[in-house]
């Protein structure tokens, strides 16, 4: 399953993932980065995927679309596979 990745469409302009380096709430996001970041980047080599670590922050994914529209989803206590599913949902929105 580690080779699974998402090809982003033209509607999504940027993806930002915020996580804590040590909290239990961010464990699934850290696992996601370890397992899925490389295949995701290989499928979308020129796409900006920003990983931001900050002590004590709640894990969250932010998606930026055209015309400056942004949306976010909480990734608190999700497992790596569920984080990928949330990213897929963000990538499929218009």
PDB file of N, CA and C in Angstrom:
ATOM      1  N   UNK A   1       0.814  -1.200   0.000  1.00  0.00           N
ATOM      2  CA  UNK A   1       0.000   0.000   0.000  1.00  0.00           C
ATOM      3  C   UNK A   1       0.853   1.257   0.000  1.00  0.00           C
ATOM      4  N   UNK A   2       2.125   1.138   0.338  1.00  0.00           N
ATOM      5  CA  UNK A   2       2.973   2.322   0.429  1.00  0.00           C
ATOM      6  C   UNK A   2       3.193   2.981  -0.918  1.00  0.00           C
ATOM      7  N   UNK A   3       2.952   2.278  -2.027  1.00  0.00           N
ATOM      8  CA  UNK A   3       3.141   2.865  -3.338  1.00  0.00           C
ATOM      9  C   UNK A   3       1.940   3.651  -3.832  1.00  0.00           C
ATOM     10  N   UNK A   4       0.861   3.629  -3.092  1.00  0.00           N
ATOM     11  CA  UNK A   4      -0.360   4.307  -3.517  1.00  0.00           C
ATOM     12  C   UNK A   4      -0.171   5.820  -3.447  1.00  0.00           C
ATOM     13  N   UNK A   5      -0.598   6.510  -4.503  1.00  0.00           N
ATOM     14  CA  UNK A   5      -0.482   7.959  -4.527  1.00  0.00           C
ATOM     15  C   UNK A   5      -1.643   8.542  -5.310  1.00  0.00           C
ATOM     16  N   UNK A   6      -1.796   9.836  -5.204  1.00  0.00           N
ATOM     17  CA  UNK A   6      -2.900  10.557  -5.821  1.00  0.00           C
ATOM     18  C   UNK A   6      -2.328  11.507  -6.860  1.00  0.00           C
ATOM     19  N   UNK A   7      -2.909  11.537  -8.049  1.00  0.00           N
ATOM     20  CA  UNK A   7      -2.542  12.521  -9.064  1.00  0.00           C
ATOM     21  C   UNK A   7      -3.472  13.714  -8.889  1.00  0.00           C
ATOM     22  N   UNK A   8      -2.904  14.876  -8.571  1.00  0.00           N
ATOM     23  CA  UNK A   8      -3.710  16.070  -8.339  1.00  0.00           C
ATOM     24  C   UNK A   8      -4.177  16.670  -9.652  1.00  0.00           C
ATOM     25  N   UNK A   9      -5.424  17.136  -9.664  1.00  0.00           N
ATOM     26  CA  UNK A   9      -5.975  17.807 -10.823  1.00  0.00           C
ATOM     27  C   UNK A   9      -5.592  19.278 -10.840  1.00  0.00           C
ATOM     28  N   UNK A  10      -6.063  19.983 -11.837  1.00  0.00           N
ATOM     29  CA  UNK A  10      -5.692  21.387 -12.005  1.00  0.00           C
ATOM     30  C   UNK A  10      -6.396  22.316 -11.021  1.00  0.00           C
ATOM     31  N   UNK A  11      -7.454  21.869 -10.372  1.00  0.00           N
ATOM     32  CA  UNK A  11      -8.179  22.739  -9.434  1.00  0.00           C
ATOM     33  C   UNK A  11      -7.352  23.018  -8.177  1.00  0.00           C
ATOM     34  N   UNK A  12      -6.603  22.036  -7.722  1.00  0.00           N
ATOM     35  CA  UNK A  12      -5.794  22.184  -6.513  1.00  0.00           C
ATOM     36  C   UNK A  12      -4.486  22.884  -6.868  1.00  0.00           C
ATOM     37  N   UNK A  13      -4.153  23.930  -6.126  1.00  0.00           N
ATOM     38  CA  UNK A  13      -2.944  24.722  -6.413  1.00  0.00           C
ATOM     39  C   UNK A  13      -1.826  24.479  -5.417  1.00  0.00           C
ATOM     40  N   UNK A  14      -2.169  24.120  -4.173  1.00  0.00           N
ATOM     41  CA  UNK A  14      -1.153  23.927  -3.138  1.00  0.00           C
ATOM     42  C   UNK A  14      -1.732  23.065  -2.026  1.00  0.00           C
ATOM     43  N   UNK A  15      -0.896  22.258  -1.411  1.00  0.00           N
ATOM     44  CA  UNK A  15      -1.287  21.433  -0.273  1.00  0.00           C
ATOM     45  C   UNK A  15      -0.306  21.690   0.860  1.00  0.00           C
ATOM     46  N   UNK A  16      -0.838  22.027   2.042  1.00  0.00           N
ATOM     47  CA  UNK A  16      -0.013  22.240   3.227  1.00  0.00           C
ATOM     48  C   UNK A  16      -0.471  21.282   4.321  1.00  0.00           C
ATOM     49  N   UNK A  17       0.484  20.668   4.976  1.00  0.00           N
ATOM     50  CA  UNK A  17       0.183  19.753   6.065  1.00  0.00           C
ATOM     51  C   UNK A  17       0.915  20.258   7.302  1.00  0.00           C
ATOM     52  N   UNK A  18       0.169  20.504   8.361  1.00  0.00           N
ATOM     53  CA  UNK A  18       0.731  20.955   9.634  1.00  0.00           C
ATOM     54  C   UNK A  18       0.686  19.792  10.618  1.00  0.00           C
ATOM     55  N   UNK A  19       1.773  19.587  11.363  1.00  0.00           N
ATOM     56  CA  UNK A  19       1.812  18.509  12.334  1.00  0.00           C
ATOM     57  C   UNK A  19       2.802  18.825  13.444  1.00  0.00           C
ATOM     58  N   UNK A  20       2.652  18.117  14.539  1.00  0.00           N
ATOM     59  CA  UNK A  20       3.573  18.197  15.671  1.00  0.00           C
ATOM     60  C   UNK A  20       4.564  17.037  15.561  1.00  0.00           C
ATOM     61  N   UNK A  21       5.823  17.300  15.888  1.00  0.00           N
ATOM     62  CA  UNK A  21       6.857  16.272  15.766  1.00  0.00           C
ATOM     63  C   UNK A  21       6.726  15.172  16.826  1.00  0.00           C
ATOM     64  N   UNK A  22       6.025  15.447  17.927  1.00  0.00           N
ATOM     65  CA  UNK A  22       6.034  14.495  19.036  1.00  0.00           C
ATOM     66  C   UNK A  22       4.666  14.052  19.543  1.00  0.00           C
ATOM     67  N   UNK A  23       3.607  14.759  19.245  1.00  0.00           N
ATOM     68  CA  UNK A  23       2.311  14.449  19.859  1.00  0.00           C
ATOM     69  C   UNK A  23       1.700  13.163  19.312  1.00  0.00           C
ATOM     70  N   UNK A  24       0.934  12.497  20.160  1.00  0.00           N
ATOM     71  CA  UNK A  24       0.200  11.303  19.731  1.00  0.00           C
ATOM     72  C   UNK A  24      -0.833  11.634  18.669  1.00  0.00           C
ATOM     73  N   UNK A  25      -1.437  12.823  18.752  1.00  0.00           N
ATOM     74  CA  UNK A  25      -2.467  13.238  17.794  1.00  0.00           C
ATOM     75  C   UNK A  25      -1.912  13.337  16.374  1.00  0.00           C
ATOM     76  N   UNK A  26      -0.604  13.565  16.236  1.00  0.00           N
ATOM     77  CA  UNK A  26       0.030  13.708  14.918  1.00  0.00           C
ATOM     78  C   UNK A  26       0.740  12.439  14.446  1.00  0.00           C
ATOM     79  N   UNK A  27       0.675  11.369  15.215  1.00  0.00           N
ATOM     80  CA  UNK A  27       1.403  10.157  14.841  1.00  0.00           C
ATOM     81  C   UNK A  27       1.020   9.652  13.452  1.00  0.00           C
ATOM     82  N   UNK A  28      -0.262   9.617  13.153  1.00  0.00           N
ATOM     83  CA  UNK A  28      -0.703   9.154  11.842  1.00  0.00           C
ATOM     84  C   UNK A  28      -0.212  10.041  10.711  1.00  0.00           C
ATOM     85  N   UNK A  29      -0.100  11.336  10.972  1.00  0.00           N
ATOM     86  CA  UNK A  29       0.395  12.261   9.948  1.00  0.00           C
ATOM     87  C   UNK A  29       1.893  12.031   9.734  1.00  0.00           C
ATOM     88  N   UNK A  30       2.629  11.813  10.807  1.00  0.00           N
ATOM     89  CA  UNK A  30       4.052  11.494  10.659  1.00  0.00           C
ATOM     90  C   UNK A  30       4.228  10.197   9.871  1.00  0.00           C
ATOM     91  N   UNK A  31       3.405   9.196  10.159  1.00  0.00           N
ATOM     92  CA  UNK A  31       3.442   7.937   9.405  1.00  0.00           C
ATOM     93  C   UNK A  31       3.071   8.169   7.949  1.00  0.00           C
ATOM     94  N   UNK A  32       2.092   9.036   7.696  1.00  0.00           N
ATOM     95  CA  UNK A  32       1.693   9.375   6.328  1.00  0.00           C
ATOM     96  C   UNK A  32       2.878   9.956   5.553  1.00  0.00           C
ATOM     97  N   UNK A  33       3.574  10.898   6.170  1.00  0.00           N
ATOM     98  CA  UNK A  33       4.719  11.526   5.510  1.00  0.00           C
ATOM     99  C   UNK A  33       5.774  10.468   5.192  1.00  0.00           C
ATOM    100  N   UNK A  34       6.013   9.575   6.130  1.00  0.00           N
ATOM    101  CA  UNK A  34       7.014   8.530   5.942  1.00  0.00           C
ATOM    102  C   UNK A  34       6.625   7.549   4.832  1.00  0.00           C
ATOM    103  N   UNK A  35       5.357   7.173   4.768  1.00  0.00           N
ATOM    104  CA  UNK A  35       4.912   6.150   3.825  1.00  0.00           C
ATOM    105  C   UNK A  35       4.472   6.689   2.466  1.00  0.00           C
ATOM    106  N   UNK A  36       3.820   7.848   2.444  1.00  0.00           N
ATOM    107  CA  UNK A  36       3.147   8.290   1.227  1.00  0.00           C
ATOM    108  C   UNK A  36       3.704   9.556   0.583  1.00  0.00           C
ATOM    109  N   UNK A  37       4.578  10.298   1.271  1.00  0.00           N
ATOM    110  CA  UNK A  37       5.050  11.556   0.689  1.00  0.00           C
ATOM    111  C   UNK A  37       5.816  11.328  -0.611  1.00  0.00           C
ATOM    112  N   UNK A  38       6.763  10.386  -0.624  1.00  0.00           N
ATOM    113  CA  UNK A  38       7.579  10.170  -1.821  1.00  0.00           C
ATOM    114  C   UNK A  38       6.724   9.761  -3.022  1.00  0.00           C
ATOM    115  N   UNK A  39       5.834   8.756  -2.903  1.00  0.00           N
ATOM    116  CA  UNK A  39       4.998   8.425  -4.063  1.00  0.00           C
ATOM    117  C   UNK A  39       4.090   9.588  -4.496  1.00  0.00           C
ATOM    118  N   UNK A  40       3.599  10.349  -3.519  1.00  0.00           N
ATOM    119  CA  UNK A  40       2.749  11.493  -3.823  1.00  0.00           C
ATOM    120  C   UNK A  40       3.530  12.535  -4.617  1.00  0.00           C
ATOM    121  N   UNK A  41       4.745  12.807  -4.191  1.00  0.00           N
ATOM    122  CA  UNK A  41       5.593  13.779  -4.884  1.00  0.00           C
ATOM    123  C   UNK A  41       6.012  13.267  -6.256  1.00  0.00           C
ATOM    124  N   UNK A  42       6.237  11.962  -6.395  1.00  0.00           N
ATOM    125  CA  UNK A  42       6.594  11.386  -7.690  1.00  0.00           C
ATOM    126  C   UNK A  42       5.448  11.519  -8.693  1.00  0.00           C
ATOM    127  N   UNK A  43       4.201  11.403  -8.208  1.00  0.00           N
ATOM    128  CA  UNK A  43       3.037  11.551  -9.081  1.00  0.00           C
ATOM    129  C   UNK A  43       2.777  13.022  -9.430  1.00  0.00           C
ATOM    130  N   UNK A  44       3.263  13.934  -8.595  1.00  0.00           N
ATOM    131  CA  UNK A  44       3.010  15.371  -8.757  1.00  0.00           C
ATOM    132  C   UNK A  44       4.321  16.134  -8.561  1.00  0.00           C
ATOM    133  N   UNK A  45       5.302  15.938  -9.446  1.00  0.00           N
ATOM    134  CA  UNK A  45       6.654  16.446  -9.192  1.00  0.00           C
ATOM    135  C   UNK A  45       6.774  17.971  -9.096  1.00  0.00           C
ATOM    136  N   UNK A  46       5.953  18.709  -9.778  1.00  0.00           N
ATOM    137  CA  UNK A  46       6.060  20.172  -9.746  1.00  0.00           C
ATOM    138  C   UNK A  46       5.027  20.818  -8.828  1.00  0.00           C
ATOM    139  N   UNK A  47       4.263  19.992  -8.157  1.00  0.00           N
ATOM    140  CA  UNK A  47       3.188  20.494  -7.306  1.00  0.00           C
ATOM    141  C   UNK A  47       3.727  20.858  -5.923  1.00  0.00           C
ATOM    142  N   UNK A  48       3.358  22.040  -5.383  1.00  0.00           N
ATOM    143  CA  UNK A  48       3.845  22.419  -4.052  1.00  0.00           C
ATOM    144  C   UNK A  48       3.116  21.684  -2.928  1.00  0.00           C
ATOM    145  N   UNK A  49       3.847  20.794  -2.268  1.00  0.00           N
ATOM    146  CA  UNK A  49       3.357  20.086  -1.087  1.00  0.00           C
ATOM    147  C   UNK A  49       4.240  20.548   0.065  1.00  0.00           C
ATOM    148  N   UNK A  50       3.661  21.275   0.998  1.00  0.00           N
ATOM    149  CA  UNK A  50       4.418  21.858   2.095  1.00  0.00           C
ATOM    150  C   UNK A  50       4.122  21.113   3.384  1.00  0.00           C
ATOM    151  N   UNK A  51       5.156  20.637   4.037  1.00  0.00           N
ATOM    152  CA  UNK A  51       5.025  19.945   5.318  1.00  0.00           C
ATOM    153  C   UNK A  51       5.570  20.893   6.380  1.00  0.00           C
ATOM    154  N   UNK A  52       4.735  21.269   7.337  1.00  0.00           N
ATOM    155  CA  UNK A  52       5.129  22.220   8.377  1.00  0.00           C
ATOM    156  C   UNK A  52       5.018  21.569   9.741  1.00  0.00           C
ATOM    157  N   UNK A  53       6.133  21.495  10.442  1.00  0.00           N
ATOM    158  CA  UNK A  53       6.164  20.926  11.793  1.00  0.00           C
ATOM    159  C   UNK A  53       6.254  22.056  12.808  1.00  0.00           C
ATOM    160  N   UNK A  54       5.456  21.948  13.844  1.00  0.00           N
ATOM    161  CA  UNK A  54       5.474  22.941  14.912  1.00  0.00           C
ATOM    162  C   UNK A  54       5.054  22.251  16.205  1.00  0.00           C
ATOM    163  N   UNK A  55       5.810  22.466  17.245  1.00  0.00           N
ATOM    164  CA  UNK A  55       5.531  21.827  18.524  1.00  0.00           C
ATOM    165  C   UNK A  55       4.160  22.230  19.056  1.00  0.00           C
ATOM    166  N   UNK A  56       3.348  21.227  19.399  1.00  0.00           N
ATOM    167  CA  UNK A  56       2.050  21.469  20.007  1.00  0.00           C
ATOM    168  C   UNK A  56       0.906  21.787  19.063  1.00  0.00           C
ATOM    169  N   UNK A  57       1.150  21.866  17.759  1.00  0.00           N
ATOM    170  CA  UNK A  57       0.093  22.200  16.808  1.00  0.00           C
ATOM    171  C   UNK A  57      -0.797  20.978  16.569  1.00  0.00           C
ATOM    172  N   UNK A  58      -2.074  21.224  16.330  1.00  0.00           N
ATOM    173  CA  UNK A  58      -2.988  20.138  15.972  1.00  0.00           C
ATOM    174  C   UNK A  58      -2.796  19.815  14.489  1.00  0.00           C
ATOM    175  N   UNK A  59      -2.727  18.543  14.118  1.00  0.00           N
ATOM    176  CA  UNK A  59      -2.487  18.185  12.720  1.00  0.00           C
ATOM    177  C   UNK A  59      -3.660  18.581  11.831  1.00  0.00           C
ATOM    178  N   UNK A  60      -3.332  19.178  10.694  1.00  0.00           N
ATOM    179  CA  UNK A  60      -4.353  19.699   9.795  1.00  0.00           C
ATOM    180  C   UNK A  60      -3.786  19.743   8.381  1.00  0.00           C
ATOM    181  N   UNK A  61      -4.635  19.526   7.392  1.00  0.00           N
ATOM    182  CA  UNK A  61      -4.254  19.682   5.980  1.00  0.00           C
ATOM    183  C   UNK A  61      -5.015  20.870   5.411  1.00  0.00           C
ATOM    184  N   UNK A  62      -4.292  21.714   4.702  1.00  0.00           N
ATOM    185  CA  UNK A  62      -4.869  22.888   4.049  1.00  0.00           C
ATOM    186  C   UNK A  62      -4.718  22.737   2.546  1.00  0.00           C
ATOM    187  N   UNK A  63      -5.778  22.994   1.811  1.00  0.00           N
ATOM    188  CA  UNK A  63      -5.736  22.945   0.356  1.00  0.00           C
ATOM    189  C   UNK A  63      -6.083  24.326  -0.184  1.00  0.00           C
ATOM    190  N   UNK A  64      -5.256  24.804  -1.129  1.00  0.00           N
ATOM    191  CA  UNK A  64      -5.540  26.083  -1.777  1.00  0.00           C
ATOM    192  C   UNK A  64      -5.939  25.801  -3.218  1.00  0.00           C
ATOM    193  N   UNK A  65      -7.024  26.434  -3.624  1.00  0.00           N
ATOM    194  CA  UNK A  65      -7.567  26.285  -4.971  1.00  0.00           C
ATOM    195  C   UNK A  65      -7.440  27.630  -5.701  1.00  0.00           C
ATOM    196  N   UNK A  66      -7.957  27.703  -6.906  1.00  0.00           N
ATOM    197  CA  UNK A  66      -7.921  28.937  -7.673  1.00  0.00           C
ATOM    198  C   UNK A  66      -8.651  30.074  -6.970  1.00  0.00           C
ATOM    199  N   UNK A  67      -8.282  31.289  -7.311  1.00  0.00           N
ATOM    200  CA  UNK A  67      -8.883  32.509  -6.765  1.00  0.00           C
ATOM    201  C   UNK A  67      -8.702  32.620  -5.260  1.00  0.00           C
ATOM    202  N   UNK A  68      -7.654  32.003  -4.712  1.00  0.00           N
ATOM    203  CA  UNK A  68      -7.332  32.130  -3.299  1.00  0.00           C
ATOM    204  C   UNK A  68      -8.239  31.375  -2.345  1.00  0.00           C
ATOM    205  N   UNK A  69      -9.129  30.554  -2.859  1.00  0.00           N
ATOM    206  CA  UNK A  69     -10.027  29.785  -1.990  1.00  0.00           C
ATOM    207  C   UNK A  69      -9.222  28.703  -1.268  1.00  0.00           C
ATOM    208  N   UNK A  70      -9.431  28.599   0.055  1.00  0.00           N
ATOM    209  CA  UNK A  70      -8.766  27.577   0.853  1.00  0.00           C
ATOM    210  C   UNK A  70      -9.775  26.804   1.683  1.00  0.00           C
ATOM    211  N   UNK A  71      -9.424  25.568   1.958  1.00  0.00           N
ATOM    212  CA  UNK A  71     -10.217  24.744   2.857  1.00  0.00           C
ATOM    213  C   UNK A  71      -9.242  23.871   3.648  1.00  0.00           C
ATOM    214  N   UNK A  72      -9.690  23.418   4.811  1.00  0.00           N
ATOM    215  CA  UNK A  72      -8.812  22.575   5.617  1.00  0.00           C
ATOM    216  C   UNK A  72      -9.616  21.472   6.281  1.00  0.00           C
ATOM    217  N   UNK A  73      -8.905  20.431   6.672  1.00  0.00           N
ATOM    218  CA  UNK A  73      -9.508  19.312   7.400  1.00  0.00           C
ATOM    219  C   UNK A  73      -8.592  18.941   8.559  1.00  0.00           C
ATOM    220  N   UNK A  74      -9.187  18.530   9.647  1.00  0.00           N
ATOM    221  CA  UNK A  74      -8.430  18.064  10.802  1.00  0.00           C
ATOM    222  C   UNK A  74      -7.898  16.666  10.526  1.00  0.00           C
ATOM    223  N   UNK A  75      -6.669  16.428  10.942  1.00  0.00           N
ATOM    224  CA  UNK A  75      -6.050  15.111  10.798  1.00  0.00           C
ATOM    225  C   UNK A  75      -5.750  14.494  12.164  1.00  0.00           C
ATOM    226  N   UNK A  76      -6.355  15.052  13.201  1.00  0.00           N
ATOM    227  CA  UNK A  76      -6.101  14.622  14.565  1.00  0.00           C
ATOM    228  C   UNK A  76      -6.474  13.152  14.758  1.00  0.00           C
ATOM    229  N   UNK A  77      -5.521  12.396  15.268  1.00  0.00           N
ATOM    230  CA  UNK A  77      -5.689  10.982  15.617  1.00  0.00           C
ATOM    231  C   UNK A  77      -6.050  10.076  14.445  1.00  0.00           C
ATOM    232  N   UNK A  78      -5.788  10.489  13.217  1.00  0.00           N
ATOM    233  CA  UNK A  78      -6.044   9.626  12.067  1.00  0.00           C
ATOM    234  C   UNK A  78      -4.837   8.747  11.805  1.00  0.00           C
ATOM    235  N   UNK A  79      -5.077   7.563  11.248  1.00  0.00           N
ATOM    236  CA  UNK A  79      -3.986   6.699  10.816  1.00  0.00           C
ATOM    237  C   UNK A  79      -3.523   7.160   9.431  1.00  0.00           C
ATOM    238  N   UNK A  80      -2.327   6.748   9.035  1.00  0.00           N
ATOM    239  CA  UNK A  80      -1.721   7.202   7.781  1.00  0.00           C
ATOM    240  C   UNK A  80      -2.651   6.991   6.584  1.00  0.00           C
ATOM    241  N   UNK A  81      -3.284   5.839   6.499  1.00  0.00           N
ATOM    242  CA  UNK A  81      -4.187   5.547   5.373  1.00  0.00           C
ATOM    243  C   UNK A  81      -5.372   6.513   5.352  1.00  0.00           C
ATOM    244  N   UNK A  82      -5.890   6.876   6.521  1.00  0.00           N
ATOM    245  CA  UNK A  82      -7.010   7.814   6.594  1.00  0.00           C
ATOM    246  C   UNK A  82      -6.570   9.240   6.266  1.00  0.00           C
ATOM    247  N   UNK A  83      -5.326   9.578   6.599  1.00  0.00           N
ATOM    248  CA  UNK A  83      -4.787  10.882   6.192  1.00  0.00           C
ATOM    249  C   UNK A  83      -4.760  10.953   4.670  1.00  0.00           C
ATOM    250  N   UNK A  84      -4.304   9.878   4.023  1.00  0.00           N
ATOM    251  CA  UNK A  84      -4.282   9.837   2.554  1.00  0.00           C
ATOM    252  C   UNK A  84      -5.688  10.002   1.987  1.00  0.00           C
ATOM    253  N   UNK A  85      -6.678   9.375   2.608  1.00  0.00           N
ATOM    254  CA  UNK A  85      -8.066   9.518   2.141  1.00  0.00           C
ATOM    255  C   UNK A  85      -8.537  10.966   2.236  1.00  0.00           C
ATOM    256  N   UNK A  86      -8.154  11.657   3.312  1.00  0.00           N
ATOM    257  CA  UNK A  86      -8.525  13.069   3.452  1.00  0.00           C
ATOM    258  C   UNK A  86      -7.852  13.917   2.378  1.00  0.00           C
ATOM    259  N   UNK A  87      -6.591  13.602   2.056  1.00  0.00           N
ATOM    260  CA  UNK A  87      -5.879  14.311   1.000  1.00  0.00           C
ATOM    261  C   UNK A  87      -6.576  14.070  -0.351  1.00  0.00           C
ATOM    262  N   UNK A  88      -7.003  12.836  -0.580  1.00  0.00           N
ATOM    263  CA  UNK A  88      -7.734  12.514  -1.812  1.00  0.00           C
ATOM    264  C   UNK A  88      -9.012  13.336  -1.909  1.00  0.00           C
ATOM    265  N   UNK A  89      -9.726  13.475  -0.810  1.00  0.00           N
ATOM    266  CA  UNK A  89     -10.960  14.277  -0.797  1.00  0.00           C
ATOM    267  C   UNK A  89     -10.660  15.730  -1.140  1.00  0.00           C
ATOM    268  N   UNK A  90      -9.601  16.274  -0.532  1.00  0.00           N
ATOM    269  CA  UNK A  90      -9.228  17.665  -0.831  1.00  0.00           C
ATOM    270  C   UNK A  90      -8.835  17.811  -2.300  1.00  0.00           C
ATOM    271  N   UNK A  91      -8.136  16.830  -2.838  1.00  0.00           N
ATOM    272  CA  UNK A  91      -7.682  16.904  -4.228  1.00  0.00           C
ATOM    273  C   UNK A  91      -8.838  16.808  -5.216  1.00  0.00           C
ATOM    274  N   UNK A  92      -9.929  16.180  -4.828  1.00  0.00           N
ATOM    275  CA  UNK A  92     -11.054  15.996  -5.751  1.00  0.00           C
ATOM    276  C   UNK A  92     -12.068  17.145  -5.695  1.00  0.00           C
ATOM    277  N   UNK A  93     -11.923  18.063  -4.724  1.00  0.00           N
ATOM    278  CA  UNK A  93     -12.842  19.202  -4.637  1.00  0.00           C
ATOM    279  C   UNK A  93     -12.520  20.215  -5.725  1.00  0.00           C
ATOM    280  N   UNK A  94     -13.528  20.978  -6.099  1.00  0.00           N
ATOM    281  CA  UNK A  94     -13.303  22.042  -7.092  1.00  0.00           C
ATOM    282  C   UNK A  94     -13.356  23.368  -6.447  1.00  0.00           C
TER     283      UNK A  94
END
